[in-house]
Amino acid sequence: MAMDDKIDNKSEELKGKAKEGVGRATDDEELQAEGQGDQASGKVKQAGEKVKDAAKDVFRK
């Protein structure tokens, strides 16, 4: 996985955590849900990149 992708995916996840926290603190359910969605999206992208990395390792052998 390219380092840029790792950073982008992790930053999306962290941005989601921040949005969720602000949404919870301000009783903004929409913002809270958006933050949870951002976190899930970042985690899914990270998992996809890990699968790509594992496939590359398998084919190198």
N, C-alpha and C. Protein backbone atom coordinates (compact mmCIF):
# COMPACT_ATOMS: atom_id res chain seq x y z
N MET A 1 0.85 -1.16 0.00
CA MET A 1 0.00 0.00 0.00
C MET A 1 0.90 1.23 0.00
N ALA A 2 0.56 2.14 -0.81
CA ALA A 2 1.33 3.37 -0.87
C ALA A 2 1.15 4.15 0.42
N MET A 3 2.20 4.78 0.85
CA MET A 3 2.15 5.52 2.11
C MET A 3 1.10 6.63 2.05
N ASP A 4 0.95 7.25 0.88
CA ASP A 4 -0.07 8.30 0.74
C ASP A 4 -1.46 7.75 1.00
N ASP A 5 -1.74 6.55 0.51
CA ASP A 5 -3.05 5.95 0.72
C ASP A 5 -3.28 5.66 2.21
N LYS A 6 -2.24 5.16 2.87
CA LYS A 6 -2.36 4.88 4.30
C LYS A 6 -2.69 6.15 5.07
N ILE A 7 -1.99 7.20 4.74
CA ILE A 7 -2.20 8.48 5.43
C ILE A 7 -3.60 9.02 5.14
N ASP A 8 -4.00 8.97 3.87
CA ASP A 8 -5.34 9.46 3.50
C ASP A 8 -6.44 8.69 4.21
N ASN A 9 -6.32 7.37 4.24
CA ASN A 9 -7.34 6.55 4.87
C ASN A 9 -7.41 6.77 6.37
N LYS A 10 -6.25 6.87 7.00
CA LYS A 10 -6.23 7.10 8.45
C LYS A 10 -6.76 8.49 8.78
N SER A 11 -6.43 9.48 7.94
CA SER A 11 -6.92 10.83 8.22
C SER A 11 -8.43 10.89 8.05
N GLU A 12 -8.97 10.13 7.10
CA GLU A 12 -10.43 10.08 6.94
C GLU A 12 -11.08 9.48 8.19
N GLU A 13 -10.46 8.43 8.71
CA GLU A 13 -10.98 7.80 9.92
C GLU A 13 -10.92 8.78 11.11
N LEU A 14 -9.81 9.48 11.26
CA LEU A 14 -9.67 10.42 12.38
C LEU A 14 -10.60 11.62 12.24
N LYS A 15 -10.80 12.06 11.00
CA LYS A 15 -11.75 13.16 10.75
C LYS A 15 -13.15 12.72 11.17
N GLY A 16 -13.47 11.46 10.88
CA GLY A 16 -14.76 10.92 11.27
C GLY A 16 -14.93 10.87 12.78
N LYS A 17 -13.86 10.50 13.48
CA LYS A 17 -13.92 10.47 14.95
C LYS A 17 -14.19 11.87 15.49
N ALA A 18 -13.53 12.85 14.90
CA ALA A 18 -13.73 14.24 15.35
C ALA A 18 -15.16 14.69 15.09
N LYS A 19 -15.67 14.40 13.90
CA LYS A 19 -17.05 14.79 13.58
C LYS A 19 -18.03 14.11 14.52
N GLU A 20 -17.80 12.83 14.78
CA GLU A 20 -18.69 12.11 15.68
C GLU A 20 -18.67 12.74 17.07
N GLY A 21 -17.49 13.08 17.54
CA GLY A 21 -17.36 13.70 18.86
C GLY A 21 -18.06 15.04 18.95
N VAL A 22 -17.89 15.86 17.92
CA VAL A 22 -18.55 17.16 17.90
C VAL A 22 -20.06 16.97 17.82
N GLY A 23 -20.49 16.02 16.99
CA GLY A 23 -21.92 15.74 16.88
C GLY A 23 -22.52 15.29 18.19
N ARG A 24 -21.78 14.45 18.91
CA ARG A 24 -22.27 13.97 20.20
C ARG A 24 -22.32 15.12 21.21
N ALA A 25 -21.29 15.97 21.20
CA ALA A 25 -21.22 17.07 22.16
C ALA A 25 -22.30 18.12 21.92
N THR A 26 -22.71 18.28 20.67
CA THR A 26 -23.70 19.30 20.34
C THR A 26 -25.09 18.72 20.09
N ASP A 27 -25.26 17.45 20.35
CA ASP A 27 -26.53 16.74 20.10
C ASP A 27 -26.96 16.85 18.63
N ASP A 28 -25.98 16.86 17.74
CA ASP A 28 -26.25 16.90 16.30
C ASP A 28 -26.13 15.47 15.77
N GLU A 29 -27.26 14.77 15.71
CA GLU A 29 -27.26 13.37 15.31
C GLU A 29 -26.79 13.19 13.87
N GLU A 30 -27.09 14.16 13.02
CA GLU A 30 -26.67 14.06 11.62
C GLU A 30 -25.14 14.11 11.50
N LEU A 31 -24.52 15.04 12.21
CA LEU A 31 -23.07 15.15 12.19
C LEU A 31 -22.42 13.91 12.82
N GLN A 32 -23.02 13.42 13.87
CA GLN A 32 -22.52 12.22 14.53
C GLN A 32 -22.56 11.03 13.56
N ALA A 33 -23.66 10.88 12.85
CA ALA A 33 -23.79 9.78 11.90
C ALA A 33 -22.82 9.94 10.73
N GLU A 34 -22.63 11.16 10.28
CA GLU A 34 -21.67 11.42 9.20
C GLU A 34 -20.26 11.04 9.64
N GLY A 35 -19.93 11.36 10.87
CA GLY A 35 -18.62 10.99 11.42
C GLY A 35 -18.44 9.49 11.48
N GLN A 36 -19.48 8.78 11.89
CA GLN A 36 -19.41 7.33 11.94
C GLN A 36 -19.23 6.75 10.54
N GLY A 37 -19.89 7.35 9.57
CA GLY A 37 -19.75 6.92 8.18
C GLY A 37 -18.33 7.15 7.66
N ASP A 38 -17.76 8.29 7.99
CA ASP A 38 -16.38 8.58 7.57
C ASP A 38 -15.41 7.57 8.18
N GLN A 39 -15.63 7.23 9.44
CA GLN A 39 -14.76 6.25 10.09
C GLN A 39 -14.86 4.89 9.40
N ALA A 40 -16.08 4.48 9.13
CA ALA A 40 -16.29 3.18 8.48
C ALA A 40 -15.65 3.17 7.09
N SER A 41 -15.81 4.25 6.37
CA SER A 41 -15.23 4.34 5.02
C SER A 41 -13.71 4.23 5.08
N GLY A 42 -13.10 4.93 6.00
CA GLY A 42 -11.65 4.86 6.15
C GLY A 42 -11.17 3.47 6.50
N LYS A 43 -11.91 2.80 7.37
CA LYS A 43 -11.52 1.44 7.77
C LYS A 43 -11.68 0.45 6.62
N VAL A 44 -12.73 0.60 5.83
CA VAL A 44 -12.94 -0.28 4.68
C VAL A 44 -11.81 -0.09 3.66
N LYS A 45 -11.45 1.15 3.42
CA LYS A 45 -10.37 1.44 2.47
C LYS A 45 -9.04 0.85 2.96
N GLN A 46 -8.80 0.95 4.27
CA GLN A 46 -7.58 0.39 4.82
C GLN A 46 -7.56 -1.13 4.65
N ALA A 47 -8.70 -1.76 4.88
CA ALA A 47 -8.78 -3.21 4.73
C ALA A 47 -8.53 -3.61 3.27
N GLY A 48 -9.08 -2.85 2.34
CA GLY A 48 -8.87 -3.14 0.92
C GLY A 48 -7.40 -3.02 0.54
N GLU A 49 -6.73 -2.03 1.07
CA GLU A 49 -5.32 -1.86 0.78
C GLU A 49 -4.49 -2.99 1.39
N LYS A 50 -4.90 -3.48 2.56
CA LYS A 50 -4.19 -4.60 3.18
C LYS A 50 -4.34 -5.87 2.33
N VAL A 51 -5.51 -6.06 1.74
CA VAL A 51 -5.72 -7.20 0.86
C VAL A 51 -4.81 -7.09 -0.36
N LYS A 52 -4.70 -5.90 -0.91
CA LYS A 52 -3.81 -5.68 -2.05
C LYS A 52 -2.37 -6.01 -1.67
N ASP A 53 -1.94 -5.55 -0.50
CA ASP A 53 -0.57 -5.81 -0.04
C ASP A 53 -0.34 -7.31 0.12
N ALA A 54 -1.32 -8.01 0.70
CA ALA A 54 -1.18 -9.45 0.90
C ALA A 54 -1.09 -10.17 -0.44
N ALA A 55 -1.88 -9.74 -1.40
CA ALA A 55 -1.84 -10.36 -2.72
C ALA A 55 -0.49 -10.14 -3.39
N LYS A 56 0.07 -8.95 -3.24
CA LYS A 56 1.38 -8.67 -3.81
C LYS A 56 2.43 -9.57 -3.19
N ASP A 57 2.35 -9.78 -1.85
CA ASP A 57 3.30 -10.64 -1.17
C ASP A 57 3.21 -12.07 -1.67
N VAL A 58 1.99 -12.55 -1.92
CA VAL A 58 1.79 -13.92 -2.38
C VAL A 58 2.41 -14.11 -3.76
N PHE A 59 2.23 -13.13 -4.62
CA PHE A 59 2.72 -13.26 -5.99
C PHE A 59 4.22 -13.01 -6.11
N ARG A 60 4.83 -12.43 -5.09
CA ARG A 60 6.28 -12.23 -5.11
C ARG A 60 7.02 -13.52 -4.83
N LYS A 61 6.38 -14.44 -4.14
CA LYS A 61 7.04 -15.69 -3.73
C LYS A 61 7.10 -16.69 -4.84
